[in-house]
N, C-alpha and C. Protein backbone atom coordinates (compact mmCIF):
# COMPACT_ATOMS: atom_id res chain seq x y z
N MET A 1 178.14 2.22 67.19
CA MET A 1 178.91 1.19 66.23
C MET A 1 178.95 1.75 64.68
N THR A 2 180.01 1.33 63.57
CA THR A 2 179.81 1.71 62.80
C THR A 2 179.30 0.41 62.12
N LYS A 3 178.57 0.99 60.69
CA LYS A 3 177.88 -0.91 59.99
C LYS A 3 179.35 -1.76 59.69
N ARG A 4 180.68 -1.18 59.10
CA ARG A 4 180.87 -2.37 59.08
C ARG A 4 181.41 -2.59 60.58
N GLU A 5 181.63 -1.84 61.57
CA GLU A 5 181.76 -2.93 62.58
C GLU A 5 180.21 -4.18 63.15
N LEU A 6 179.46 -3.41 62.77
CA LEU A 6 178.25 -4.10 62.97
C LEU A 6 178.23 -5.46 62.07
N TYR A 7 179.18 -4.95 60.69
CA TYR A 7 178.61 -6.85 59.56
C TYR A 7 179.88 -7.29 60.56
N ARG A 8 181.59 -6.64 60.56
CA ARG A 8 182.11 -7.95 61.62
C ARG A 8 181.52 -8.46 62.98
N ASP A 9 181.14 -7.70 63.60
CA ASP A 9 180.28 -8.53 64.28
C ASP A 9 179.13 -9.77 64.06
N LYS A 10 178.49 -9.55 63.03
CA LYS A 10 176.74 -10.26 62.65
C LYS A 10 177.76 -11.25 62.28
N TYR A 11 179.04 -11.63 61.71
CA TYR A 11 179.59 -12.89 60.82
C TYR A 11 180.55 -13.18 62.27
N GLN A 12 180.96 -12.44 63.52
CA GLN A 12 181.67 -13.03 63.91
C GLN A 12 181.30 -14.11 65.41
N ALA A 13 179.43 -13.85 65.02
CA ALA A 13 178.47 -14.23 66.35
C ALA A 13 178.58 -15.30 65.64
N GLN A 14 178.08 -15.04 64.14
CA GLN A 14 178.04 -16.50 63.07
C GLN A 14 179.36 -17.86 63.19
N LEU A 15 180.31 -17.09 62.34
CA LEU A 15 181.55 -17.81 63.08
C LEU A 15 181.94 -19.00 64.34
N HIS A 16 180.47 -18.19 64.93
CA HIS A 16 180.99 -18.59 66.56
C HIS A 16 180.52 -20.09 66.91
N GLU A 17 178.91 -19.93 66.42
CA GLU A 17 178.24 -20.79 65.83
C GLU A 17 178.46 -22.07 65.27
N TRP A 18 179.05 -21.21 64.42
CA TRP A 18 179.57 -22.85 63.47
C TRP A 18 180.50 -23.68 63.92
N SER A 19 181.67 -22.41 65.43
CA SER A 19 182.64 -23.60 65.71
C SER A 19 181.51 -24.29 66.58
N ALA A 20 181.15 -24.12 67.56
CA ALA A 20 180.30 -25.02 68.24
C ALA A 20 179.74 -25.80 67.74
N LYS A 21 179.07 -25.00 66.83
CA LYS A 21 177.67 -27.21 66.23
C LYS A 21 179.15 -27.91 65.57
N LEU A 22 180.31 -27.92 64.68
CA LEU A 22 181.70 -27.98 64.80
C LEU A 22 181.67 -29.59 66.09
N GLU A 23 181.84 -28.93 66.67
CA GLU A 23 182.33 -29.25 67.61
C GLU A 23 181.47 -30.88 67.90
N GLU A 24 180.09 -30.40 67.87
CA GLU A 24 178.39 -30.99 68.23
C GLU A 24 178.16 -32.39 66.89
N LEU A 25 179.23 -31.48 65.75
CA LEU A 25 178.96 -32.83 64.67
C LEU A 25 180.53 -33.88 64.69
N SER A 26 181.56 -33.57 65.62
CA SER A 26 182.31 -34.12 64.97
C SER A 26 182.85 -35.04 66.23
N ALA A 27 181.66 -34.66 67.30
CA ALA A 27 181.44 -35.36 69.20
C ALA A 27 179.84 -36.58 68.38
N HIS A 28 179.46 -36.14 67.75
CA HIS A 28 178.33 -36.96 67.44
C HIS A 28 178.87 -38.45 65.70
N GLN A 29 180.03 -38.15 64.97
CA GLN A 29 180.12 -38.54 64.03
C GLN A 29 181.27 -40.19 64.87
N ASP A 30 181.19 -39.33 66.80
CA ASP A 30 182.38 -41.10 66.79
C ASP A 30 181.23 -41.88 67.17
N LYS A 31 180.14 -41.48 67.06
CA LYS A 31 178.70 -42.55 67.42
C LYS A 31 178.24 -43.16 66.31
N LEU A 32 178.62 -42.75 65.79
CA LEU A 32 178.23 -43.61 63.82
C LEU A 32 179.10 -45.00 63.48
N THR A 33 178.67 -45.28 62.54
CA THR A 33 178.86 -46.47 62.61
C THR A 33 180.09 -46.49 61.60
N ALA A 34 181.18 -47.34 60.90
CA ALA A 34 182.40 -47.08 60.25
C ALA A 34 181.65 -46.84 58.76
N ASP A 35 180.62 -46.84 58.14
CA ASP A 35 180.14 -46.58 57.13
C ASP A 35 179.71 -45.26 57.13
N ALA A 36 179.21 -45.00 58.41
CA ALA A 36 178.44 -43.41 58.67
C ALA A 36 179.24 -42.74 58.55
N LYS A 37 180.64 -43.11 58.87
CA LYS A 37 181.66 -42.26 59.43
C LYS A 37 182.58 -41.99 57.61
N ILE A 38 183.07 -43.38 57.79
CA ILE A 38 183.05 -42.41 56.31
C ILE A 38 182.66 -41.46 55.07
N ALA A 39 181.53 -41.46 55.78
CA ALA A 39 180.26 -41.08 54.60
C ALA A 39 180.85 -39.67 55.10
N ALA A 40 180.71 -39.40 56.68
CA ALA A 40 180.08 -38.18 56.62
C ALA A 40 182.01 -37.13 56.79
N GLN A 41 182.99 -37.98 56.52
CA GLN A 41 184.79 -37.06 56.74
C GLN A 41 184.69 -36.49 55.87
N PRO A 42 184.04 -36.48 55.06
CA PRO A 42 184.28 -35.15 53.77
C PRO A 42 183.61 -34.20 53.93
N HIS A 43 182.42 -34.92 54.28
CA HIS A 43 181.56 -33.20 55.06
C HIS A 43 182.23 -32.43 55.78
N LEU A 44 182.48 -33.03 56.85
CA LEU A 44 183.29 -31.91 57.65
C LEU A 44 184.28 -31.59 57.52
N GLU A 45 185.58 -31.87 56.40
CA GLU A 45 186.65 -32.11 55.88
C GLU A 45 186.45 -30.17 55.24
N SER A 46 185.62 -30.06 54.48
CA SER A 46 184.38 -29.36 54.15
C SER A 46 184.59 -27.53 54.47
N VAL A 47 183.46 -28.37 56.02
CA VAL A 47 183.21 -27.50 56.45
C VAL A 47 184.36 -27.08 57.40
N LYS A 48 184.80 -27.62 57.86
CA LYS A 48 186.28 -27.30 58.37
C LYS A 48 187.38 -26.16 57.62
N LYS A 49 187.65 -26.68 56.43
CA LYS A 49 188.39 -25.66 55.17
C LYS A 49 187.29 -23.92 55.26
N LYS A 50 186.44 -24.29 55.03
CA LYS A 50 185.34 -23.52 55.31
C LYS A 50 185.52 -22.68 56.03
N LEU A 51 185.36 -22.84 57.38
CA LEU A 51 185.37 -22.43 58.29
C LEU A 51 186.72 -21.19 58.50
N GLU A 52 188.19 -22.30 58.35
CA GLU A 52 188.94 -21.71 58.40
C GLU A 52 189.12 -19.64 57.55
N HIS A 53 188.99 -20.25 55.60
CA HIS A 53 188.19 -19.59 55.10
C HIS A 53 187.63 -17.98 55.78
N ALA A 54 186.52 -17.76 56.28
CA ALA A 54 185.21 -17.43 56.47
C ALA A 54 186.27 -16.50 58.10
N ARG A 55 187.15 -17.08 58.72
CA ARG A 55 187.45 -16.51 59.61
C ARG A 55 188.85 -15.75 58.96
N THR A 56 189.42 -15.69 57.99
CA THR A 56 190.21 -15.26 57.02
C THR A 56 189.25 -13.79 56.52
N LYS A 57 188.21 -13.95 55.59
CA LYS A 57 187.05 -13.04 55.15
C LYS A 57 186.90 -12.12 56.87
N LEU A 58 186.68 -12.82 58.27
CA LEU A 58 187.05 -11.67 59.22
C LEU A 58 187.41 -10.23 59.11
N VAL A 59 189.13 -10.86 58.97
CA VAL A 59 190.12 -10.11 58.69
C VAL A 59 189.98 -8.61 57.76
N GLU A 60 189.71 -9.54 56.82
CA GLU A 60 189.47 -8.96 55.56
C GLU A 60 188.10 -7.94 55.49
N ILE A 61 187.35 -8.24 56.64
CA ILE A 61 186.30 -6.93 56.84
C ILE A 61 186.72 -5.56 57.08
N ALA A 62 188.42 -5.75 58.20
CA ALA A 62 188.67 -4.89 58.59
C ALA A 62 189.46 -3.79 57.82
N GLU A 63 189.90 -5.27 56.94
CA GLU A 63 191.23 -3.96 56.42
C GLU A 63 190.27 -3.17 54.72
N ALA A 64 188.98 -4.04 54.32
CA ALA A 64 188.72 -3.46 52.98
C ALA A 64 188.45 -1.64 53.16
N SER A 65 188.76 -1.86 51.98
CA SER A 65 188.74 0.14 51.04
C SER A 65 187.40 0.59 51.40
N ASP A 66 186.93 1.59 52.10
CA ASP A 66 185.01 2.23 52.09
C ASP A 66 185.00 2.00 50.75
N ASP A 67 185.98 2.75 49.52
CA ASP A 67 185.20 2.54 48.00
C ASP A 67 185.17 1.48 47.27
N LYS A 68 185.75 0.49 47.73
CA LYS A 68 184.97 -1.33 47.72
C LYS A 68 184.35 -2.29 48.49
N TRP A 69 183.34 -1.35 49.49
CA TRP A 69 183.04 -2.24 50.21
C TRP A 69 181.81 -2.40 49.96
N ASP A 70 181.26 -2.02 48.60
CA ASP A 70 180.48 -2.02 48.55
C ASP A 70 180.29 -4.14 47.87
N GLU A 71 181.22 -4.01 46.98
CA GLU A 71 181.84 -5.36 46.18
C GLU A 71 182.30 -6.18 47.44
N PHE A 72 182.76 -5.17 48.22
CA PHE A 72 183.21 -6.49 49.02
C PHE A 72 182.31 -7.22 49.81
N VAL A 73 181.33 -6.07 50.52
CA VAL A 73 180.32 -7.33 51.11
C VAL A 73 179.53 -8.05 50.75
N ALA A 74 179.36 -7.95 49.08
CA ALA A 74 178.71 -8.55 48.28
C ALA A 74 179.48 -10.38 48.29
N GLY A 75 180.52 -9.68 48.06
CA GLY A 75 181.58 -11.27 47.91
C GLY A 75 181.36 -11.95 48.72
N VAL A 76 181.87 -11.51 50.10
CA VAL A 76 181.32 -11.63 51.49
C VAL A 76 180.56 -12.35 51.68
N ASP A 77 179.23 -12.19 51.74
CA ASP A 77 177.51 -12.19 52.06
C ASP A 77 177.07 -13.47 50.84
N LYS A 78 178.13 -14.18 49.53
CA LYS A 78 177.97 -14.83 49.31
C LYS A 78 178.28 -16.33 49.39
N TYR A 79 179.69 -16.22 50.35
CA TYR A 79 180.74 -17.17 50.45
C TYR A 79 180.38 -17.45 51.73
N TRP A 80 179.37 -16.74 52.53
CA TRP A 80 179.27 -16.90 53.53
C TRP A 80 177.42 -17.89 53.21
N SER A 81 176.96 -17.67 52.74
CA SER A 81 175.44 -18.69 52.00
C SER A 81 175.79 -20.16 51.68
N GLU A 82 177.26 -19.72 51.17
CA GLU A 82 178.02 -20.81 50.42
C GLU A 82 178.45 -21.36 51.72
N THR A 83 179.20 -21.39 52.55
CA THR A 83 179.71 -21.80 53.98
C THR A 83 178.47 -22.66 54.31
N LYS A 84 177.52 -21.55 54.71
CA LYS A 84 175.99 -21.66 55.27
C LYS A 84 175.21 -23.33 54.87
N ALA A 85 175.13 -23.37 53.69
CA ALA A 85 174.54 -24.58 52.57
C ALA A 85 175.51 -25.15 53.27
N ALA A 86 177.17 -25.37 52.59
CA ALA A 86 177.91 -26.38 53.66
C ALA A 86 177.77 -27.22 54.59
N PHE A 87 177.63 -26.31 55.43
CA PHE A 87 177.37 -26.66 57.14
C PHE A 87 175.59 -27.78 56.61
N GLU A 88 175.06 -26.89 56.28
CA GLU A 88 174.05 -27.78 56.44
C GLU A 88 173.49 -28.40 55.83
N GLY A 89 174.31 -29.04 54.75
CA GLY A 89 174.12 -30.56 54.55
C GLY A 89 175.84 -31.14 55.36
N ALA A 90 176.16 -30.54 55.44
CA ALA A 90 177.15 -31.31 56.66
C ALA A 90 176.30 -32.25 57.97
N TYR A 91 175.89 -31.16 58.34
CA TYR A 91 174.76 -31.36 59.33
C TYR A 91 173.50 -32.70 59.42
N ASP A 92 172.99 -32.14 57.66
CA ASP A 92 171.96 -32.55 57.40
C ASP A 92 172.57 -34.85 57.44
N ALA A 93 173.71 -34.51 56.56
CA ALA A 93 174.16 -35.87 55.98
C ALA A 93 174.96 -36.59 57.94
N ILE A 94 175.48 -36.07 58.90
CA ILE A 94 175.83 -36.95 60.00
C ILE A 94 174.76 -37.05 61.04
N ARG A 95 174.27 -36.17 61.27
CA ARG A 95 172.85 -35.98 62.24
C ARG A 95 171.77 -36.90 61.21
N ALA A 96 171.84 -37.42 60.51
CA ALA A 96 170.18 -37.99 60.21
C ALA A 96 169.91 -39.51 60.93
N PRO A 97 168.79 -39.56 61.13
CA PRO A 97 168.75 -40.64 62.11
C PRO A 97 169.65 -42.43 60.52
N GLU A 98 170.18 -43.06 61.19
CA GLU A 98 170.48 -44.05 60.18
C GLU A 98 169.42 -44.49 60.37
N VAL A 99 168.84 -45.81 58.81
CA VAL A 99 167.47 -46.27 58.95
C VAL A 99 168.10 -47.53 59.34
N ALA A 100 166.85 -47.78 60.70
CA ALA A 100 166.71 -48.86 61.27
C ALA A 100 166.22 -49.47 60.38
N PRO A 101 167.06 -51.23 60.53
CA PRO A 101 166.46 -52.50 59.95
C PRO A 101 165.40 -52.62 60.58
N SER A 102 164.35 -52.82 59.03
CA SER A 102 162.68 -52.69 59.05
C SER A 102 163.26 -54.95 60.12
N ALA A 103 161.89 -54.23 61.01
CA ALA A 103 161.33 -55.91 61.30
C ALA A 103 161.06 -56.91 60.34
N PRO A 104 161.02 -58.32 60.38
CA PRO A 104 161.01 -58.79 59.07
C PRO A 104 159.12 -59.37 59.69
N SER A 105 158.67 -59.30 58.31
CA SER A 105 156.84 -58.91 58.63
C SER A 105 156.31 -60.31 59.23
N SER A 106 155.57 -60.37 59.97
CA SER A 106 154.42 -62.41 60.84
C SER A 106 154.09 -62.19 59.67
N ARG A 107 154.03 -63.49 58.61
CA ARG A 107 152.65 -64.20 58.15
C ARG A 107 152.43 -64.72 58.52
């Protein structure tokens, strides 16, 4: 396998993992309270857009010229890091346990 193919396969696997996690988050969102759903929605929308853009980056890997490869890889790596951070933020926001009301103290 060429370096380009390995690189593409690495990001294809990551994209597949993120797509599965997005489905999980969407399913979990259905179980949230109305306020939590409203708070989670912008995170999900952001991640969906980033995943769509990431899919185009995979196509660009195959089309990148050899003389611009190092520059291209740096750009894709940066974008992938940003996408990962957005995903982790959405995951934390949606999967964070809802705070249960505290029990009244007995006096």
